[in-house]
Every structure is written in structure tokens, then in C-alpha cells.
Amino acid sequence: MNLGKLVRFCIDFQVPLPKLSVTSVFKRVTTNSHDITYDQFKETIEKLFVEINKTRARDLKKKVKNGQKNGLSVEQIHEANR
């Protein structure tokens, strides 16, 4: 699988990451920057979802910080984001 097919895979399966992040993960996993093996594909999927969770954690920290500036408790912020 090459980078273009991986990006298409991410679009088809609605992976919530920008193309730049997908490209970065692909380049970290591949040895030749052209094609990846099935085992490298599995590793790429794992790394993509780690990246998704990092992004979600950053977004949540921002929401909590902004909510606390507005005088909200963590519980109120959590309820508002459900």
C-alpha cells in the first residue's frame, strides 16, 4: 500500500485526522517512503489511532481550560460536551 491509498483508506473510513498527520505517520512507519507491507499497515493503523487520541486529549484540555476561565466546573464542562 502506498501513501495515496492510505489517505483514501482514511477518507473512506472517516479517520478524523488531516492528510498531513496521516502522511507523517506513514513516513514514520515505512522504510522506503513508497510502499508498506501488511505488518507495517497494521502498525500504521495503531499509530493513527494513537494520534487521534492525542488530538482528542489536546482538544479536551483546551475545552476544560476555557470552561474554567468562564467559571465552569469540570463536571459542567463534561455535561456540556455529551
Protein backbone atom coordinates (compact mmCIF):
# COMPACT_ATOMS: atom_id res chain seq x y z
CA MET A 1 0.00 0.00 0.00
CA ASN A 2 1.29 3.45 -0.84
CA LEU A 3 0.58 6.82 0.76
CA GLY A 4 -2.20 7.71 -1.68
CA LYS A 5 -4.08 4.50 -0.93
CA LEU A 6 -3.63 5.04 2.80
CA VAL A 7 -5.06 8.56 2.55
CA ARG A 8 -8.00 7.17 0.53
CA PHE A 9 -8.48 4.47 3.19
CA CYS A 10 -8.59 7.16 5.89
CA ILE A 11 -11.13 9.19 3.94
CA ASP A 12 -13.31 6.14 3.23
CA PHE A 13 -13.30 5.08 6.88
CA GLN A 14 -13.67 8.66 8.15
CA VAL A 15 -10.44 8.71 10.17
CA PRO A 16 -10.59 12.17 11.80
CA LEU A 17 -7.05 13.29 11.01
CA PRO A 18 -5.75 15.77 8.46
CA LYS A 19 -3.78 14.48 5.49
CA LEU A 20 -0.58 15.96 6.94
CA SER A 21 -0.90 13.80 10.08
CA VAL A 22 -1.60 10.68 8.02
CA THR A 23 1.46 11.42 5.88
CA SER A 24 3.62 11.93 8.96
CA VAL A 25 2.57 8.58 10.45
CA PHE A 26 3.12 6.84 7.11
CA LYS A 27 6.65 8.21 6.84
CA ARG A 28 7.48 7.12 10.39
CA VAL A 29 6.46 3.53 9.64
CA THR A 30 7.79 2.97 6.12
CA THR A 31 11.41 2.28 5.36
CA ASN A 32 11.42 3.38 1.73
CA SER A 33 8.66 6.08 1.75
CA HIS A 34 6.85 4.32 -1.12
CA ASP A 35 5.04 1.16 -0.08
CA ILE A 36 4.22 -0.54 3.20
CA THR A 37 3.74 -4.22 3.95
CA TYR A 38 0.69 -5.66 5.69
CA ASP A 39 2.52 -5.68 9.04
CA GLN A 40 3.54 -2.05 8.52
CA PHE A 41 -0.09 -1.26 7.62
CA LYS A 42 -1.24 -2.70 10.95
CA GLU A 43 1.41 -0.65 12.74
CA THR A 44 0.29 2.44 10.83
CA ILE A 45 -3.33 1.93 11.89
CA GLU A 46 -2.25 1.66 15.53
CA LYS A 47 -0.19 4.85 15.26
CA LEU A 48 -3.04 6.69 13.52
CA PHE A 49 -5.37 5.94 16.40
CA VAL A 50 -2.75 6.98 18.95
CA GLU A 51 -2.56 10.26 17.04
CA ILE A 52 -6.36 10.60 17.10
CA ASN A 53 -6.38 10.13 20.87
CA LYS A 54 -3.61 12.71 21.30
CA THR A 55 -5.67 15.19 19.28
CA ARG A 56 -8.81 14.47 21.31
CA ALA A 57 -6.88 14.86 24.57
CA ARG A 58 -5.48 18.24 23.44
CA ASP A 59 -8.96 19.40 22.42
CA LEU A 60 -10.42 18.31 25.75
CA LYS A 61 -7.70 20.09 27.70
CA LYS A 62 -8.47 23.29 25.76
CA LYS A 63 -12.20 22.94 26.49
CA VAL A 64 -11.55 22.41 30.19
CA LYS A 65 -9.16 25.35 30.35
CA ASN A 66 -11.62 27.64 28.53
CA GLY A 67 -14.52 26.40 30.65
CA GLN A 68 -12.64 27.02 33.87
CA LYS A 69 -11.86 30.56 32.69
CA ASN A 70 -15.62 31.01 32.36
CA GLY A 71 -16.22 29.73 35.89
CA LEU A 72 -17.46 26.23 34.99
CA SER A 73 -16.55 23.08 36.90
CA VAL A 74 -15.08 20.04 35.15
CA GLU A 75 -18.42 18.24 35.64
CA GLN A 76 -20.33 21.07 33.94
CA ILE A 77 -17.87 21.04 31.03
CA HIS A 78 -18.22 17.27 30.73
CA GLU A 79 -22.03 17.50 30.67
CA ALA A 80 -21.91 20.23 28.01
CA ASN A 81 -19.76 18.03 25.72
CA ARG A 82 -22.02 14.98 25.75
